[in-house]
Amino acid sequence: MTIKYRWQKIAIGIVIGIVVLLILLTIGGYFFLKPLVADRVQKGVLKATNRLYYISFADIKYNPSLGEIVITDAHFKPDTLIYKRLHAIKKAPDDLLLIDVPTVKLTGVNPLEVVFEKILDMNTVSVQQPTITVLHKSQIYNKTLDSLERKTPYQLISKFVKSLQINLVVLTNVNFTYENREAARRKKSEVKNLDIEIKNVLIDSLSEKPSQKVLYADDYTFTIKAVELPTKNQLNDHSFKNIVFSLKGRHLSIDEYHLKPKASEMAYAKLSGGRNRAEVILRNIVIKDIHPEMLYPDNKLYAGSLRINSGLVKIFKNKAYPVLQRDKTGEYPHQLLRKLDLPLNIDTVFINDTKVTYSEYDPEAKLTGFISFNRINGKITNVTNDSLPLAKDAIMRAQFHSYFMNRGSLNVAFTFNIPSKKGDFTCQGQLGNFEGTSINNITVALTKVSVQSLKINKYVFRLKADDYRVTGTGILYYENLKATILKVDKETVEKKPRFRLFKKRAVPTFIVNNLVLKDANPRKNNQLKTGTINYKRPRTKSFFGAIWGGLAQSLFQCVTGTVKD
């Protein structure tokens, strides 16, 4: 097998460390004498690693009738003095391994076969709660792989056996740490409660020839059953269920991702200082065609596709608390992607069967209004923040189809200029035929306006935007627009303070329907009104807030015939 990538070097280093340990312990276990075993094992590790690593363990127990060996409290660590000497003569490795294992259990072991035939076959190797640490620091003299005097796993084990075969290796509750010591500020990545399953390991004289195996095994499967991580502000938790990665298949699946707020909808704003409450649930996430060679030590995620098979996004705003005013400039989706600490390049992201809702609670009306985008399906292409892919194509594109308020068919397309310092993007779309009274779900609660009748034939819009302004056009084709202006019934409030009922405001309703609102677009004379968008974005407006600010200008012009800033 040709070693092309650093991640292979790291993985092979771990495999070699465990393999050498297993062989020496298996041979030593046959003699039953712990002092002799310890001496043989320690000398064997020193010899196999050019004295860079040493090993220690508490006890070895061997049951010949069951072919079972149990090793307890084993430690595999580097000698820092030897490392410094190797570095002085430019032979130090880029990576150092530290392995601590409370318990290792080997089954199906036949030491006589090892001693007399030099063949080591085992049924299973079970490693409980190991701690594996990789310390990485690239050395200039190791840049050219061809110049390295690197021994293959077979060359190392051939001193002891002719072949090694293990049907199944299981590592349970692994704590893995990767520390990059190159930068001035060391970067550490940690994975806890990791389960690893390695199937059909085979190392012999033919192992280096091309085969269907990956790193001397049929496959490596990595599983994390559950993990929960708090957000930086401690207001939410990132929760993952059943993360599974196949090295041979180069795909990763996640049963569920949940961004879980730590407070209820009504309490969150008080706890967070007026922030909106966001809850995200994504199910059956699959990432395919992952490039493992980019993961370590470069910490880059390159993949062919990412698919989300169902999802729910809920945004809730409680207007009973002061709005948190902060500058949101530079927080458009592609700007956040560019700032992401993880360099990534994903060809296509597919989003299926997802629902997005935005809700607001009005304390005066004591009602919650909402809008929803149901059954969202779409894709995003060229999702990257890495310099090389961006040099080839700087534009991220997105296309979505959904149903506004679960009724009107909505098609939207975006383009995002990822390197743009001003956050340039475009958005265009069309909303199809639907009954406009469905927007009462939000207008009654938040604006005290009830749409009595409205048939929307379509709404077509096109806009360009950056951090400072949104420009474009929007045309609303509609018929038979009638609205009612409402007010809170104070008599009901006095009797039942927790409830609100509304009364019609007759005079304002008459004025609005007869003097302000236009019945249809095109008008009765077939004149079509186009809404012009020229919206100066307030610095506190979010991405969707900026889009809505522009669209609202065009809608206002279409239904009133006048321009609103």
Protein backbone atom coordinates (compact mmCIF):
# COMPACT_ATOMS: atom_id res chain seq x y z
CA MET A 1 0.00 0.00 0.00
CA THR A 2 1.41 3.41 -0.98
CA ILE A 3 1.40 6.05 1.75
CA LYS A 4 0.19 9.24 0.09
CA TYR A 5 -1.44 11.25 2.84
CA ARG A 6 -0.72 12.35 6.40
CA TRP A 7 -3.93 10.82 7.72
CA GLN A 8 -2.62 7.45 6.51
CA LYS A 9 0.62 8.02 8.42
CA ILE A 10 -1.31 8.80 11.59
CA ALA A 11 -3.64 5.83 11.23
CA ILE A 12 -0.82 3.46 10.35
CA GLY A 13 1.17 4.72 13.33
CA ILE A 14 -1.70 3.86 15.66
CA VAL A 15 -2.22 0.48 13.99
CA ILE A 16 1.49 -0.35 14.18
CA GLY A 17 1.61 0.60 17.86
CA ILE A 18 -1.30 -1.69 18.69
CA VAL A 19 -0.11 -4.51 16.41
CA VAL A 20 3.41 -4.62 17.85
CA LEU A 21 1.93 -4.59 21.33
CA LEU A 22 -0.43 -7.47 20.50
CA ILE A 23 2.27 -9.65 18.99
CA LEU A 24 4.69 -9.19 21.85
CA LEU A 25 2.05 -9.74 24.49
CA THR A 26 0.72 -12.83 22.72
CA ILE A 27 4.15 -14.41 22.55
CA GLY A 28 4.99 -13.37 26.08
CA GLY A 29 1.68 -14.56 27.49
CA TYR A 30 2.59 -18.16 26.70
CA PHE A 31 5.40 -18.13 29.26
CA PHE A 32 3.13 -17.10 32.19
CA LEU A 33 5.98 -15.28 33.90
CA LYS A 34 5.22 -11.59 34.20
CA PRO A 35 8.83 -10.36 34.78
CA LEU A 36 10.02 -12.25 31.72
CA VAL A 37 7.06 -11.03 29.68
CA ALA A 38 7.63 -7.43 30.72
CA ASP A 39 11.29 -7.62 29.78
CA ARG A 40 10.55 -9.22 26.37
CA VAL A 41 7.78 -6.74 25.55
CA GLN A 42 9.70 -3.65 26.59
CA LYS A 43 12.79 -4.67 24.64
CA GLY A 44 10.65 -5.57 21.63
CA VAL A 45 8.93 -2.17 21.56
CA LEU A 46 12.25 -0.35 21.93
CA LYS A 47 13.70 -2.34 19.04
CA ALA A 48 10.64 -1.99 16.79
CA THR A 49 10.44 1.80 17.28
CA ASN A 50 14.16 2.61 17.29
CA ARG A 51 13.93 3.30 21.03
CA LEU A 52 11.46 6.18 20.47
CA TYR A 53 8.63 4.48 22.37
CA TYR A 54 8.44 2.50 25.59
CA ILE A 55 5.63 0.40 27.04
CA SER A 56 4.42 -0.53 30.50
CA PHE A 57 1.49 -2.54 31.84
CA ALA A 58 0.14 -3.77 35.16
CA ASP A 59 -0.71 -7.40 34.46
CA ILE A 60 -1.16 -10.12 31.82
CA LYS A 61 -3.45 -13.11 32.27
CA TYR A 62 -3.59 -16.02 29.86
CA ASN A 63 -6.20 -18.79 29.69
CA PRO A 64 -4.82 -21.52 27.36
CA SER A 65 -8.07 -23.51 27.29
CA LEU A 66 -9.99 -20.51 25.92
CA GLY A 67 -7.12 -18.99 23.98
CA GLU A 68 -7.78 -15.74 25.82
CA ILE A 69 -5.34 -13.06 26.93
CA VAL A 70 -6.28 -10.07 29.12
CA ILE A 71 -3.87 -7.16 29.53
CA THR A 72 -4.57 -4.43 32.08
CA ASP A 73 -3.36 -0.85 32.43
CA ALA A 74 -1.09 -0.67 29.36
CA HIS A 75 0.72 2.54 28.40
CA PHE A 76 2.51 3.27 25.11
CA LYS A 77 4.44 6.56 25.20
CA PRO A 78 7.34 8.34 23.47
CA ASP A 79 10.70 9.10 25.04
CA THR A 80 11.11 12.87 24.67
CA LEU A 81 14.92 12.70 24.96
CA ILE A 82 15.12 10.21 22.09
CA TYR A 83 12.74 12.42 20.08
CA LYS A 84 15.05 15.42 20.55
CA ARG A 85 18.04 13.35 19.42
CA LEU A 86 16.15 12.19 16.33
CA HIS A 87 15.15 15.77 15.60
CA ALA A 88 18.79 16.86 15.83
CA ILE A 89 19.73 14.39 13.08
CA LYS A 90 16.55 15.19 11.07
CA LYS A 91 14.88 11.83 11.60
CA ALA A 92 12.08 12.73 14.00
CA PRO A 93 8.53 11.87 12.89
CA ASP A 94 5.82 14.48 12.34
CA ASP A 95 3.50 12.75 14.80
CA LEU A 96 3.92 11.33 18.29
CA LEU A 97 1.47 8.83 19.80
CA LEU A 98 0.39 8.43 23.40
CA ILE A 99 -1.85 5.43 24.07
CA ASP A 100 -3.31 4.48 27.46
CA VAL A 101 -5.48 1.36 27.65
CA PRO A 102 -7.16 0.14 30.87
CA THR A 103 -8.09 -3.27 29.42
CA VAL A 104 -7.28 -5.27 26.28
CA LYS A 105 -8.87 -8.66 25.66
CA LEU A 106 -7.69 -11.03 22.91
CA THR A 107 -9.63 -14.19 21.97
CA GLY A 108 -8.81 -17.12 19.73
CA VAL A 109 -5.09 -16.89 20.43
CA ASN A 110 -2.77 -19.88 19.89
CA PRO A 111 0.73 -18.99 21.17
CA LEU A 112 2.14 -22.33 19.94
CA GLU A 113 1.20 -21.35 16.40
CA VAL A 114 2.98 -18.05 16.91
CA VAL A 115 6.12 -19.60 18.36
CA PHE A 116 6.54 -22.52 15.95
CA GLU A 117 4.82 -21.33 12.73
CA LYS A 118 5.19 -17.58 13.19
CA ILE A 119 1.52 -17.05 12.30
CA LEU A 120 -0.70 -14.95 14.54
CA ASP A 121 -4.44 -15.47 13.98
CA MET A 122 -7.00 -14.06 16.40
CA ASN A 123 -10.79 -13.99 16.50
CA THR A 124 -11.30 -10.70 18.29
CA VAL A 125 -9.40 -7.91 19.96
CA SER A 126 -11.45 -5.85 22.40
CA VAL A 127 -9.96 -2.60 23.68
CA GLN A 128 -11.90 -0.89 26.47
CA GLN A 129 -11.79 2.88 27.09
CA PRO A 130 -8.47 3.69 25.41
CA THR A 131 -7.10 7.22 25.39
CA ILE A 132 -5.23 8.03 22.17
CA THR A 133 -3.39 11.31 21.70
CA VAL A 134 -1.65 12.44 18.49
CA LEU A 135 0.80 15.34 18.77
CA HIS A 136 1.52 16.80 15.34
CA LYS A 137 4.31 19.09 14.25
CA SER A 138 5.48 18.95 10.63
CA GLN A 139 9.21 18.79 10.08
CA ILE A 140 10.68 20.34 6.95
CA TYR A 141 12.88 17.31 6.37
CA ASN A 142 9.79 15.07 6.22
CA LYS A 143 8.06 16.99 3.43
CA THR A 144 9.33 14.64 0.72
CA LEU A 145 7.85 11.23 1.48
CA ASP A 146 10.21 9.48 -0.94
CA SER A 147 13.18 10.60 1.13
CA LEU A 148 11.91 9.01 4.33
CA GLU A 149 13.22 5.72 5.61
CA ARG A 150 9.73 4.52 6.49
CA LYS A 151 9.14 0.90 7.41
CA THR A 152 5.90 -0.81 6.48
CA PRO A 153 3.83 -2.64 9.11
CA TYR A 154 4.91 -5.96 7.60
CA GLN A 155 8.59 -5.02 7.87
CA LEU A 156 8.05 -4.33 11.56
CA ILE A 157 6.09 -7.48 12.41
CA SER A 158 8.26 -9.75 10.24
CA LYS A 159 10.79 -9.75 13.08
CA PHE A 160 8.24 -11.72 15.09
CA VAL A 161 5.67 -13.36 12.75
CA LYS A 162 5.09 -14.03 9.05
CA SER A 163 1.48 -12.87 9.09
CA LEU A 164 -1.10 -11.27 11.34
CA GLN A 165 -4.83 -11.80 10.90
CA ILE A 166 -7.62 -10.52 13.19
CA ASN A 167 -11.25 -11.12 12.36
CA LEU A 168 -12.55 -8.19 14.38
CA VAL A 169 -11.02 -5.35 16.38
CA VAL A 170 -13.38 -3.38 18.61
CA LEU A 171 -12.35 -0.23 20.47
CA THR A 172 -15.04 0.99 22.88
CA ASN A 173 -15.39 4.47 24.41
CA VAL A 174 -12.27 5.86 22.79
CA ASN A 175 -11.10 9.32 23.82
CA PHE A 176 -9.12 10.67 20.85
CA THR A 177 -7.18 13.94 20.88
CA TYR A 178 -5.35 15.52 17.94
CA GLU A 179 -3.13 18.47 18.84
CA ASN A 180 -1.53 20.57 16.12
CA ARG A 181 1.59 22.16 17.61
CA GLU A 182 2.70 24.05 14.52
CA ALA A 183 0.95 27.37 15.10
CA ALA A 184 1.82 29.82 17.86
CA ARG A 185 -1.58 29.02 19.33
CA ARG A 186 -1.92 25.27 19.53
CA LYS A 187 -5.10 23.81 18.08
CA LYS A 188 -6.65 20.83 19.78
CA SER A 189 -9.44 18.61 18.43
CA GLU A 190 -11.10 16.12 20.75
CA VAL A 191 -13.52 13.27 20.14
CA LYS A 192 -14.95 11.43 23.13
CA ASN A 193 -17.02 8.26 23.55
CA LEU A 194 -15.97 7.01 20.13
CA ASP A 195 -16.48 3.37 19.13
CA ILE A 196 -14.27 1.89 16.40
CA GLU A 197 -14.79 -1.40 14.59
CA ILE A 198 -12.10 -2.80 12.29
CA LYS A 199 -13.00 -5.83 10.18
CA ASN A 200 -10.65 -8.54 8.88
CA VAL A 201 -7.19 -7.10 9.49
CA LEU A 202 -4.48 -8.82 7.43
CA ILE A 203 -0.78 -7.97 7.39
CA ASP A 204 1.60 -10.24 5.47
CA SER A 205 4.18 -10.15 2.68
CA LEU A 206 1.48 -9.30 0.11
CA SER A 207 -0.13 -6.47 2.08
CA GLU A 208 1.64 -3.70 0.20
CA LYS A 209 0.26 -4.82 -3.16
CA PRO A 210 -2.95 -3.20 -4.48
CA SER A 211 -6.09 -4.77 -3.01
CA GLN A 212 -9.65 -4.00 -1.95
CA LYS A 213 -8.54 -3.40 1.64
CA VAL A 214 -8.07 0.00 3.23
CA LEU A 215 -5.24 0.33 5.77
CA TYR A 216 -4.87 -3.49 5.87
CA ALA A 217 -8.55 -4.10 6.74
CA ASP A 218 -11.89 -4.55 5.00
CA ASP A 219 -13.21 -1.39 6.65
CA TYR A 220 -12.95 0.94 9.63
CA THR A 221 -16.26 2.09 11.10
CA PHE A 222 -16.34 4.95 13.60
CA THR A 223 -19.46 5.50 15.72
CA ILE A 224 -20.54 8.07 18.29
CA LYS A 225 -23.93 7.13 19.70
CA ALA A 226 -24.69 10.50 21.26
CA VAL A 227 -22.88 13.74 21.96
CA GLU A 228 -24.06 17.06 23.37
CA LEU A 229 -22.03 20.27 23.24
CA PRO A 230 -23.02 23.69 24.62
CA THR A 231 -22.88 26.76 22.41
CA LYS A 232 -20.41 29.52 23.29
CA ASN A 233 -23.12 31.65 24.88
CA GLN A 234 -24.37 28.67 26.94
CA LEU A 235 -27.96 29.36 25.81
CA ASN A 236 -28.28 26.28 23.60
CA ASP A 237 -26.91 22.78 23.12
CA HIS A 238 -25.70 21.07 19.94
CA SER A 239 -27.03 17.51 20.17
CA PHE A 240 -26.02 14.70 17.79
CA LYS A 241 -27.44 11.18 17.65
CA ASN A 242 -25.68 8.16 16.14
CA ILE A 243 -22.81 9.53 14.06
CA VAL A 244 -21.33 6.79 11.84
CA PHE A 245 -18.32 7.12 9.50
CA SER A 246 -17.09 4.42 7.11
CA LEU A 247 -13.49 4.86 5.99
CA LYS A 248 -13.80 2.57 2.98
CA GLY A 249 -17.19 3.94 1.94
CA ARG A 250 -16.00 7.51 2.66
CA HIS A 251 -19.40 8.50 3.94
CA LEU A 252 -20.73 9.83 7.24
CA SER A 253 -24.30 9.64 8.52
CA ILE A 254 -26.02 11.39 11.42
CA ASP A 255 -29.44 10.21 12.55
CA GLU A 256 -30.31 13.58 14.08
CA TYR A 257 -28.85 16.98 14.80
CA HIS A 258 -30.73 19.19 17.27
CA LEU A 259 -29.94 22.76 18.23
CA LYS A 260 -31.75 22.77 21.58
CA PRO A 261 -32.49 26.03 23.40
CA LYS A 262 -32.20 25.76 27.17
CA ALA A 263 -35.38 27.74 27.81
CA SER A 264 -38.98 27.73 26.59
CA GLU A 265 -40.22 30.07 23.87
CA MET A 266 -41.65 32.60 26.33
CA ALA A 267 -38.70 32.51 28.76
CA TYR A 268 -35.82 32.55 26.27
CA ALA A 269 -35.83 36.30 25.54
CA LYS A 270 -35.61 37.14 29.25
CA LEU A 271 -32.75 34.69 29.74
CA SER A 272 -30.85 35.79 26.62
CA GLY A 273 -31.31 39.55 26.80
CA GLY A 274 -33.87 39.85 24.02
CA ARG A 275 -32.41 37.39 21.52
CA ASN A 276 -34.60 35.42 19.14
CA ARG A 277 -35.02 31.77 20.08
CA ALA A 278 -33.88 29.38 17.34
CA GLU A 279 -34.50 25.64 17.36
CA VAL A 280 -33.19 23.42 14.57
CA ILE A 281 -33.85 19.71 14.04
CA LEU A 282 -32.23 17.96 11.06
CA ARG A 283 -32.74 14.25 10.50
CA ASN A 284 -31.02 11.59 8.42
CA ILE A 285 -27.98 13.61 7.37
CA VAL A 286 -25.61 11.88 4.94
CA ILE A 287 -22.24 13.17 3.71
CA LYS A 288 -20.77 11.22 0.78
CA ASP A 289 -17.42 11.09 -1.02
CA ILE A 290 -15.47 12.49 1.93
CA HIS A 291 -11.74 13.02 1.39
CA PRO A 292 -10.11 11.58 4.56
CA GLU A 293 -6.70 12.88 3.50
CA MET A 294 -7.96 16.45 4.04
CA LEU A 295 -9.26 15.85 7.56
CA TYR A 296 -5.98 15.31 9.40
CA PRO A 297 -3.84 17.18 10.01
CA ASP A 298 -5.18 19.92 7.71
CA ASN A 299 -8.63 19.89 9.40
CA LYS A 300 -10.45 20.45 6.10
CA LEU A 301 -13.78 18.90 5.14
CA TYR A 302 -13.93 18.04 1.43
CA ALA A 303 -16.92 16.03 0.22
CA GLY A 304 -19.01 15.34 -2.85
CA SER A 305 -22.41 15.89 -1.30
CA LEU A 306 -24.33 16.52 1.91
CA ARG A 307 -27.99 15.55 2.11
CA ILE A 308 -30.55 16.50 4.76
CA ASN A 309 -33.59 14.28 4.35
CA SER A 310 -35.92 16.15 6.70
CA GLY A 311 -35.75 19.18 8.92
CA LEU A 312 -37.50 21.74 11.07
CA VAL A 313 -36.33 25.28 11.81
CA LYS A 314 -38.30 27.40 14.29
CA ILE A 315 -37.51 31.05 15.03
CA PHE A 316 -39.43 32.73 17.86
CA LYS A 317 -39.35 36.40 18.83
CA ASN A 318 -40.87 37.61 22.10
CA LYS A 319 -41.70 41.31 21.70
CA ALA A 320 -42.41 41.64 25.42
CA TYR A 321 -38.68 42.22 25.90
CA PRO A 322 -36.54 45.00 24.38
CA VAL A 323 -35.09 44.10 21.01
CA LEU A 324 -31.39 43.32 21.25
CA GLN A 325 -29.82 45.95 19.01
CA ARG A 326 -26.49 44.88 17.59
CA ASP A 327 -24.65 45.34 14.34
CA LYS A 328 -25.33 42.34 12.08
CA THR A 329 -23.19 43.55 9.20
CA GLY A 330 -21.08 40.71 7.84
CA GLU A 331 -23.53 38.01 8.95
CA TYR A 332 -25.04 37.01 5.61
CA PRO A 333 -24.88 33.21 5.06
CA HIS A 334 -21.90 33.32 2.69
CA GLN A 335 -20.06 35.74 4.98
CA LEU A 336 -20.50 33.40 7.93
CA LEU A 337 -19.33 30.53 5.70
CA ARG A 338 -16.18 32.47 4.85
CA LYS A 339 -15.49 33.13 8.55
CA LEU A 340 -16.03 29.50 9.53
CA ASP A 341 -13.02 28.07 11.37
CA LEU A 342 -13.38 24.80 9.42
CA PRO A 343 -12.16 25.04 5.80
CA LEU A 344 -14.60 23.07 3.67
CA ASN A 345 -15.53 22.31 0.09
CA ILE A 346 -18.79 20.46 -0.62
CA ASP A 347 -19.93 20.16 -4.21
CA THR A 348 -23.67 20.02 -3.49
CA VAL A 349 -25.89 20.28 -0.40
CA PHE A 350 -29.35 18.76 -0.86
CA ILE A 351 -32.21 19.83 1.42
CA ASN A 352 -35.41 17.78 1.45
CA ASP A 353 -38.77 17.97 3.25
CA THR A 354 -37.86 20.83 5.57
CA LYS A 355 -40.14 23.33 7.31
CA VAL A 356 -39.17 26.82 8.46
CA THR A 357 -41.40 28.93 10.71
CA TYR A 358 -40.98 32.44 12.05
CA SER A 359 -43.19 33.45 14.98
CA GLU A 360 -43.63 36.65 16.99
CA TYR A 361 -45.42 37.12 20.27
CA ASP A 362 -47.19 40.47 20.72
CA PRO A 363 -47.66 41.32 24.42
CA GLU A 364 -50.46 43.83 23.76
CA ALA A 365 -52.54 41.43 21.70
CA LYS A 366 -51.30 38.46 23.73
CA LEU A 367 -51.18 36.54 20.48
CA THR A 368 -48.45 34.82 18.50
CA GLY A 369 -48.39 35.36 14.76
CA PHE A 370 -46.39 33.25 12.35
CA ILE A 371 -45.40 32.64 8.78
CA SER A 372 -44.19 29.31 7.46
CA PHE A 373 -42.37 27.81 4.51
CA ASN A 374 -43.42 24.18 4.20
CA ARG A 375 -42.06 21.20 2.28
CA ILE A 376 -38.81 22.93 1.33
CA ASN A 377 -36.72 21.06 -1.23
CA GLY A 378 -33.64 22.37 -2.94
CA LYS A 379 -29.90 22.36 -3.37
CA ILE A 380 -26.88 24.55 -2.78
CA THR A 381 -23.81 24.15 -4.99
CA ASN A 382 -20.15 25.12 -4.54
CA VAL A 383 -20.34 25.37 -0.75
CA THR A 384 -16.75 26.33 0.02
CA ASN A 385 -14.60 28.77 1.95
CA ASP A 386 -11.22 27.36 0.90
CA SER A 387 -8.97 29.49 -1.29
CA LEU A 388 -8.20 26.98 -4.06
CA PRO A 389 -11.83 26.09 -4.95
CA LEU A 390 -12.79 29.78 -4.66
CA ALA A 391 -10.11 30.69 -7.18
CA LYS A 392 -11.89 28.41 -9.67
CA ASP A 393 -15.45 29.47 -8.84
CA ALA A 394 -16.29 32.23 -6.36
CA ILE A 395 -20.09 31.91 -6.59
CA MET A 396 -22.28 29.74 -4.36
CA ARG A 397 -25.70 29.04 -5.87
CA ALA A 398 -28.93 27.95 -4.21
CA GLN A 399 -32.34 26.91 -5.54
CA PHE A 400 -35.37 26.11 -3.39
CA HIS A 401 -39.01 25.18 -3.84
CA SER A 402 -41.47 25.43 -0.95
CA TYR A 403 -45.08 26.24 -0.08
CA PHE A 404 -45.64 29.59 1.60
CA MET A 405 -48.07 29.09 4.51
CA ASN A 406 -48.41 25.54 3.17
CA ARG A 407 -50.41 26.93 0.24
CA GLY A 408 -48.65 29.09 -2.33
CA SER A 409 -45.95 27.48 -4.46
CA LEU A 410 -42.70 29.43 -4.05
CA ASN A 411 -39.54 29.14 -6.15
CA VAL A 412 -36.44 31.07 -5.05
CA ALA A 413 -32.89 31.21 -6.42
CA PHE A 414 -29.84 32.84 -4.82
CA THR A 415 -26.29 33.57 -5.92
CA PHE A 416 -23.67 34.44 -3.29
CA ASN A 417 -20.32 36.06 -4.08
CA ILE A 418 -18.29 34.39 -1.33
CA PRO A 419 -15.07 36.50 -1.49
CA SER A 420 -16.98 39.81 -1.78
CA LYS A 421 -16.02 42.20 1.00
CA LYS A 422 -19.48 43.82 0.78
CA GLY A 423 -21.36 40.53 0.90
CA ASP A 424 -22.87 40.79 -2.59
CA PHE A 425 -25.72 38.40 -3.39
CA THR A 426 -28.76 38.19 -5.65
CA CYS A 427 -32.22 36.74 -5.07
CA GLN A 428 -35.07 36.13 -7.47
CA GLY A 429 -38.26 34.15 -7.20
CA GLN A 430 -41.94 33.67 -7.87
CA LEU A 431 -44.83 33.00 -5.51
CA GLY A 432 -47.73 31.20 -7.17
CA ASN A 433 -51.50 31.38 -6.80
CA PHE A 434 -52.91 31.19 -3.27
CA GLU A 435 -55.62 32.62 -1.01
CA GLY A 436 -54.25 35.74 0.67
CA THR A 437 -56.40 35.46 3.80
CA SER A 438 -53.93 32.85 5.08
CA ILE A 439 -51.54 35.67 6.05
CA ASN A 440 -53.99 36.62 8.82
CA ASN A 441 -51.98 34.16 10.91
CA ILE A 442 -49.45 36.93 11.31
CA THR A 443 -51.16 40.22 10.40
CA VAL A 444 -53.89 40.04 13.07
CA ALA A 445 -51.47 39.40 15.92
CA LEU A 446 -48.73 41.80 14.90
CA THR A 447 -50.41 44.63 12.95
CA LYS A 448 -54.06 44.32 14.02
CA VAL A 449 -55.09 44.10 10.38
CA SER A 450 -57.35 41.34 9.07
CA VAL A 451 -57.40 40.56 5.36
CA GLN A 452 -61.05 39.98 4.47
CA SER A 453 -60.45 38.98 0.87
CA LEU A 454 -57.41 38.67 -1.38
CA LYS A 455 -56.64 36.44 -4.31
CA ILE A 456 -52.93 36.40 -5.15
CA ASN A 457 -52.23 35.23 -8.68
CA LYS A 458 -48.46 35.55 -8.40
CA TYR A 459 -45.66 37.65 -6.99
CA VAL A 460 -42.47 37.97 -9.05
CA PHE A 461 -39.37 39.60 -7.60
CA ARG A 462 -35.72 40.16 -8.43
CA LEU A 463 -33.17 41.89 -6.24
CA LYS A 464 -29.47 42.59 -5.71
CA ALA A 465 -28.04 43.27 -2.30
CA ASP A 466 -24.94 43.87 -0.23
CA ASP A 467 -24.18 44.98 3.33
CA TYR A 468 -25.61 48.44 2.69
CA ARG A 469 -28.49 48.34 0.21
CA VAL A 470 -31.11 46.16 -1.47
CA THR A 471 -32.28 47.13 -4.97
CA GLY A 472 -34.56 45.53 -7.54
CA THR A 473 -38.21 45.11 -8.50
CA GLY A 474 -41.26 43.19 -7.35
CA ILE A 475 -44.68 42.80 -8.98
CA LEU A 476 -47.69 41.50 -7.07
CA TYR A 477 -50.52 40.26 -9.30
CA TYR A 478 -53.69 40.16 -7.20
CA GLU A 479 -57.48 40.72 -7.11
CA ASN A 480 -60.22 41.77 -4.68
CA LEU A 481 -58.15 43.18 -1.81
CA LYS A 482 -60.21 44.15 1.25
CA ALA A 483 -58.91 44.62 4.80
CA THR A 484 -60.26 45.39 8.27
CA ILE A 485 -58.45 47.54 10.83
CA LEU A 486 -58.81 46.14 14.35
CA LYS A 487 -58.44 47.30 17.93
CA VAL A 488 -58.27 45.41 21.21
CA ASP A 489 -61.62 45.08 23.00
CA LYS A 490 -60.83 46.71 26.37
CA GLU A 491 -64.00 45.39 28.01
CA THR A 492 -62.81 41.85 27.40
CA VAL A 493 -59.38 42.74 28.77
CA GLU A 494 -60.89 43.98 32.04
CA LYS A 495 -62.89 40.78 32.47
CA LYS A 496 -60.24 38.37 31.22
CA PRO A 497 -56.78 40.03 31.35
CA ARG A 498 -55.04 37.01 29.83
CA PHE A 499 -57.18 37.07 26.68
CA ARG A 500 -57.69 39.49 23.80
CA LEU A 501 -60.64 40.00 21.47
CA PHE A 502 -60.74 42.55 18.67
CA LYS A 503 -63.27 45.06 17.43
CA LYS A 504 -63.48 46.56 13.97
CA ARG A 505 -62.35 50.17 13.62
CA ALA A 506 -64.99 51.33 11.17
CA VAL A 507 -63.62 54.70 10.06
CA PRO A 508 -59.98 53.62 9.52
CA THR A 509 -61.24 50.51 7.70
CA PHE A 510 -63.36 52.65 5.34
CA ILE A 511 -60.45 55.00 4.63
CA VAL A 512 -57.99 52.18 4.00
CA ASN A 513 -60.26 50.25 1.61
CA ASN A 514 -61.47 53.29 -0.33
CA LEU A 515 -58.55 55.71 -0.29
CA VAL A 516 -55.37 53.74 0.39
CA LEU A 517 -55.56 50.20 -0.95
CA LYS A 518 -55.94 49.41 -4.63
CA ASP A 519 -58.44 46.66 -5.37
CA ALA A 520 -56.24 44.83 -7.89
CA ASN A 521 -53.02 44.78 -9.87
CA PRO A 522 -53.19 45.18 -12.85
CA ARG A 523 -55.64 48.01 -12.19
CA LYS A 524 -59.07 48.24 -13.83
CA ASN A 525 -57.51 50.13 -16.75
CA ASN A 526 -55.07 47.20 -17.23
CA GLN A 527 -52.21 49.34 -15.96
CA LEU A 528 -49.65 47.15 -14.17
CA LYS A 529 -47.88 48.60 -11.16
CA THR A 530 -44.28 47.52 -10.62
CA GLY A 531 -42.80 47.97 -7.18
CA THR A 532 -39.31 49.46 -7.17
CA ILE A 533 -36.90 48.34 -4.45
CA ASN A 534 -34.29 50.74 -3.10
CA TYR A 535 -33.91 49.78 0.54
CA LYS A 536 -31.09 51.09 2.72
CA ARG A 537 -30.29 48.28 5.11
CA PRO A 538 -30.12 49.26 8.79
CA ARG A 539 -27.00 47.79 10.36
CA THR A 540 -29.14 45.83 12.83
CA LYS A 541 -31.05 43.97 10.10
CA SER A 542 -30.29 40.31 9.48
CA PHE A 543 -30.06 38.59 6.09
CA PHE A 544 -33.78 37.77 5.96
CA GLY A 545 -34.62 41.14 7.51
CA ALA A 546 -32.81 42.91 4.67
CA ILE A 547 -34.60 40.81 2.04
CA TRP A 548 -37.99 41.41 3.66
CA GLY A 549 -37.29 45.15 3.91
CA GLY A 550 -36.76 45.27 0.15
CA LEU A 551 -39.73 43.08 -0.72
CA ALA A 552 -41.99 45.08 1.60
CA GLN A 553 -41.21 48.23 -0.40
CA SER A 554 -42.37 46.60 -3.64
CA LEU A 555 -45.49 45.10 -2.04
CA PHE A 556 -46.49 48.45 -0.52
CA GLN A 557 -46.16 50.17 -3.90
CA CYS A 558 -48.20 47.47 -5.65
CA VAL A 559 -51.14 47.64 -3.22
CA THR A 560 -51.15 51.42 -2.61
CA GLY A 561 -49.56 52.94 -5.68
CA THR A 562 -47.26 55.04 -3.49
CA VAL A 563 -43.60 54.72 -2.56
CA LYS A 564 -42.55 53.86 1.00
CA ASP A 565 -38.98 54.30 2.23
